[in-house]
């Protein structure tokens, strides 16, 4: 008989009943980056919990919130970043067009500065 996620095992003896309650569990196998797992494991250890406890907490929050317990967004670059990327593209084009000097590495640039 299943009740509230628990399995009840009822054993009848001559005049006694013995109830054994076992929690139903299910394994989850997840592939994650080894470095991410190590970092997360260390953080969780500092918090006094293990990965299994955290996963169970996260699942309970998904159920409680009826969705993800955090905001998932597609980050959009700021206008400042977009302008900087455009400026970088313009500089690369000027180097290709011969309007600006470009360097392949810092040493090459330093040699050019010293020789000027």
C-alpha atoms as a PDB file:
ATOM      1  CA  UNK A   1       0.000   0.000   0.000  1.00  0.00           C
ATOM      2  CA  UNK A   2       1.430   3.424  -0.941  1.00  0.00           C
ATOM      3  CA  UNK A   3       0.640   6.401   1.256  1.00  0.00           C
ATOM      4  CA  UNK A   4       2.092   9.915   0.945  1.00  0.00           C
ATOM      5  CA  UNK A   5       5.226   8.726  -0.797  1.00  0.00           C
ATOM      6  CA  UNK A   6       5.937   6.100   1.857  1.00  0.00           C
ATOM      7  CA  UNK A   7       5.783   2.348   1.486  1.00  0.00           C
ATOM      8  CA  UNK A   8       4.078   0.587   4.398  1.00  0.00           C
ATOM      9  CA  UNK A   9       4.983  -2.964   5.105  1.00  0.00           C
ATOM     10  CA  UNK A  10       2.584  -4.534   7.591  1.00  0.00           C
ATOM     11  CA  UNK A  11       3.545  -7.764   9.286  1.00  0.00           C
ATOM     12  CA  UNK A  12       0.853  -9.487  11.330  1.00  0.00           C
ATOM     13  CA  UNK A  13       2.015 -11.703  14.194  1.00  0.00           C
ATOM     14  CA  UNK A  14      -0.183 -13.506  16.711  1.00  0.00           C
ATOM     15  CA  UNK A  15      -0.993 -10.442  18.777  1.00  0.00           C
ATOM     16  CA  UNK A  16       1.388  -7.785  17.482  1.00  0.00           C
ATOM     17  CA  UNK A  17       1.601  -5.653  14.405  1.00  0.00           C
ATOM     18  CA  UNK A  18       4.944  -4.426  13.166  1.00  0.00           C
ATOM     19  CA  UNK A  19       5.029  -1.439  10.824  1.00  0.00           C
ATOM     20  CA  UNK A  20       8.113  -0.753   8.750  1.00  0.00           C
ATOM     21  CA  UNK A  21       8.231   2.557   6.896  1.00  0.00           C
ATOM     22  CA  UNK A  22      10.613   2.964   3.991  1.00  0.00           C
ATOM     23  CA  UNK A  23      11.007   6.122   1.958  1.00  0.00           C
ATOM     24  CA  UNK A  24      10.689   5.571  -1.766  1.00  0.00           C
ATOM     25  CA  UNK A  25      13.742   6.965  -3.533  1.00  0.00           C
ATOM     26  CA  UNK A  26      14.883   7.178  -7.117  1.00  0.00           C
ATOM     27  CA  UNK A  27      18.424   7.664  -8.443  1.00  0.00           C
ATOM     28  CA  UNK A  28      19.351  10.517 -10.772  1.00  0.00           C
ATOM     29  CA  UNK A  29      22.470  10.356 -12.937  1.00  0.00           C
ATOM     30  CA  UNK A  30      23.627  13.749 -14.221  1.00  0.00           C
ATOM     31  CA  UNK A  31      26.631  14.615 -16.392  1.00  0.00           C
ATOM     32  CA  UNK A  32      28.373  17.833 -15.300  1.00  0.00           C
ATOM     33  CA  UNK A  33      31.727  19.453 -15.936  1.00  0.00           C
ATOM     34  CA  UNK A  34      34.277  17.965 -13.496  1.00  0.00           C
ATOM     35  CA  UNK A  35      35.555  21.393 -12.411  1.00  0.00           C
ATOM     36  CA  UNK A  36      32.022  22.688 -11.834  1.00  0.00           C
ATOM     37  CA  UNK A  37      31.227  19.617  -9.731  1.00  0.00           C
ATOM     38  CA  UNK A  38      34.386  20.070  -7.661  1.00  0.00           C
ATOM     39  CA  UNK A  39      33.693  23.769  -7.048  1.00  0.00           C
ATOM     40  CA  UNK A  40      30.057  23.136  -6.158  1.00  0.00           C
ATOM     41  CA  UNK A  41      30.988  20.227  -3.883  1.00  0.00           C
ATOM     42  CA  UNK A  42      33.474  22.422  -2.006  1.00  0.00           C
ATOM     43  CA  UNK A  43      30.949  25.237  -1.587  1.00  0.00           C
ATOM     44  CA  UNK A  44      28.268  22.823  -0.391  1.00  0.00           C
ATOM     45  CA  UNK A  45      30.753  21.214   2.020  1.00  0.00           C
ATOM     46  CA  UNK A  46      31.463  24.661   3.490  1.00  0.00           C
ATOM     47  CA  UNK A  47      27.694  25.043   3.943  1.00  0.00           C
ATOM     48  CA  UNK A  48      27.527  21.684   5.710  1.00  0.00           C
ATOM     49  CA  UNK A  49      25.575  19.773   3.075  1.00  0.00           C
ATOM     50  CA  UNK A  50      26.465  17.275   0.375  1.00  0.00           C
ATOM     51  CA  UNK A  51      25.485  17.208  -3.297  1.00  0.00           C
ATOM     52  CA  UNK A  52      22.656  14.738  -2.747  1.00  0.00           C
ATOM     53  CA  UNK A  53      21.084  16.931  -0.066  1.00  0.00           C
ATOM     54  CA  UNK A  54      21.377  19.982  -2.315  1.00  0.00           C
ATOM     55  CA  UNK A  55      19.763  18.184  -5.262  1.00  0.00           C
ATOM     56  CA  UNK A  56      16.894  17.105  -3.014  1.00  0.00           C
ATOM     57  CA  UNK A  57      16.510  20.698  -1.747  1.00  0.00           C
ATOM     58  CA  UNK A  58      16.493  22.015  -5.332  1.00  0.00           C
ATOM     59  CA  UNK A  59      13.861  19.483  -6.395  1.00  0.00           C
ATOM     60  CA  UNK A  60      11.666  20.390  -3.404  1.00  0.00           C
ATOM     61  CA  UNK A  61      11.925  24.066  -4.400  1.00  0.00           C
ATOM     62  CA  UNK A  62      10.929  23.283  -8.005  1.00  0.00           C
ATOM     63  CA  UNK A  63       7.858  21.523  -6.629  1.00  0.00           C
ATOM     64  CA  UNK A  64       7.080  24.291  -4.129  1.00  0.00           C
ATOM     65  CA  UNK A  65       7.477  27.082  -6.708  1.00  0.00           C
ATOM     66  CA  UNK A  66       5.832  25.029  -9.466  1.00  0.00           C
ATOM     67  CA  UNK A  67       8.754  26.038 -11.657  1.00  0.00           C
ATOM     68  CA  UNK A  68      12.382  26.990 -11.417  1.00  0.00           C
ATOM     69  CA  UNK A  69      13.320  28.528  -8.062  1.00  0.00           C
ATOM     70  CA  UNK A  70      15.424  31.172  -9.798  1.00  0.00           C
ATOM     71  CA  UNK A  71      15.086  33.460 -12.781  1.00  0.00           C
ATOM     72  CA  UNK A  72      16.368  32.131 -16.097  1.00  0.00           C
ATOM     73  CA  UNK A  73      17.134  34.878 -18.561  1.00  0.00           C
ATOM     74  CA  UNK A  74      18.897  35.278 -21.848  1.00  0.00           C
ATOM     75  CA  UNK A  75      21.368  38.028 -20.960  1.00  0.00           C
ATOM     76  CA  UNK A  76      21.463  40.895 -23.401  1.00  0.00           C
ATOM     77  CA  UNK A  77      24.645  42.906 -23.854  1.00  0.00           C
ATOM     78  CA  UNK A  78      24.594  46.473 -22.617  1.00  0.00           C
ATOM     79  CA  UNK A  79      24.736  49.377 -25.067  1.00  0.00           C
ATOM     80  CA  UNK A  80      28.253  50.106 -23.793  1.00  0.00           C
ATOM     81  CA  UNK A  81      29.383  46.573 -24.665  1.00  0.00           C
ATOM     82  CA  UNK A  82      27.730  46.741 -28.092  1.00  0.00           C
ATOM     83  CA  UNK A  83      29.528  50.055 -28.807  1.00  0.00           C
ATOM     84  CA  UNK A  84      32.869  48.576 -27.693  1.00  0.00           C
ATOM     85  CA  UNK A  85      32.368  45.532 -29.947  1.00  0.00           C
ATOM     86  CA  UNK A  86      31.534  47.808 -32.887  1.00  0.00           C
ATOM     87  CA  UNK A  87      34.641  49.896 -32.185  1.00  0.00           C
ATOM     88  CA  UNK A  88      36.751  46.709 -32.137  1.00  0.00           C
ATOM     89  CA  UNK A  89      35.291  45.588 -35.469  1.00  0.00           C
ATOM     90  CA  UNK A  90      36.008  49.028 -36.941  1.00  0.00           C
ATOM     91  CA  UNK A  91      39.633  48.888 -35.738  1.00  0.00           C
ATOM     92  CA  UNK A  92      40.098  45.421 -37.251  1.00  0.00           C
ATOM     93  CA  UNK A  93      38.704  46.661 -40.564  1.00  0.00           C
ATOM     94  CA  UNK A  94      41.038  49.706 -40.506  1.00  0.00           C
ATOM     95  CA  UNK A  95      44.009  47.370 -39.940  1.00  0.00           C
ATOM     96  CA  UNK A  96      42.909  45.199 -42.884  1.00  0.00           C
ATOM     97  CA  UNK A  97      42.484  48.312 -45.037  1.00  0.00           C
ATOM     98  CA  UNK A  98      45.990  49.508 -44.083  1.00  0.00           C
ATOM     99  CA  UNK A  99      44.671  52.625 -42.339  1.00  0.00           C
ATOM    100  CA  UNK A 100      45.973  51.527 -38.935  1.00  0.00           C
ATOM    101  CA  UNK A 101      48.903  49.465 -37.709  1.00  0.00           C
ATOM    102  CA  UNK A 102      48.085  46.171 -36.055  1.00  0.00           C
ATOM    103  CA  UNK A 103      50.189  43.794 -33.978  1.00  0.00           C
ATOM    104  CA  UNK A 104      50.030  40.040 -33.505  1.00  0.00           C
ATOM    105  CA  UNK A 105      51.238  40.156 -29.889  1.00  0.00           C
ATOM    106  CA  UNK A 106      52.496  42.478 -27.157  1.00  0.00           C
ATOM    107  CA  UNK A 107      56.172  41.920 -27.943  1.00  0.00           C
ATOM    108  CA  UNK A 108      55.608  43.001 -31.541  1.00  0.00           C
ATOM    109  CA  UNK A 109      53.850  46.150 -30.312  1.00  0.00           C
ATOM    110  CA  UNK A 110      56.615  46.964 -27.801  1.00  0.00           C
ATOM    111  CA  UNK A 111      59.290  46.596 -30.501  1.00  0.00           C
ATOM    112  CA  UNK A 112      57.352  49.021 -32.705  1.00  0.00           C
ATOM    113  CA  UNK A 113      57.048  51.531 -29.846  1.00  0.00           C
ATOM    114  CA  UNK A 114      60.753  51.312 -28.983  1.00  0.00           C
ATOM    115  CA  UNK A 115      61.823  51.657 -32.611  1.00  0.00           C
ATOM    116  CA  UNK A 116      59.711  54.788 -33.184  1.00  0.00           C
END
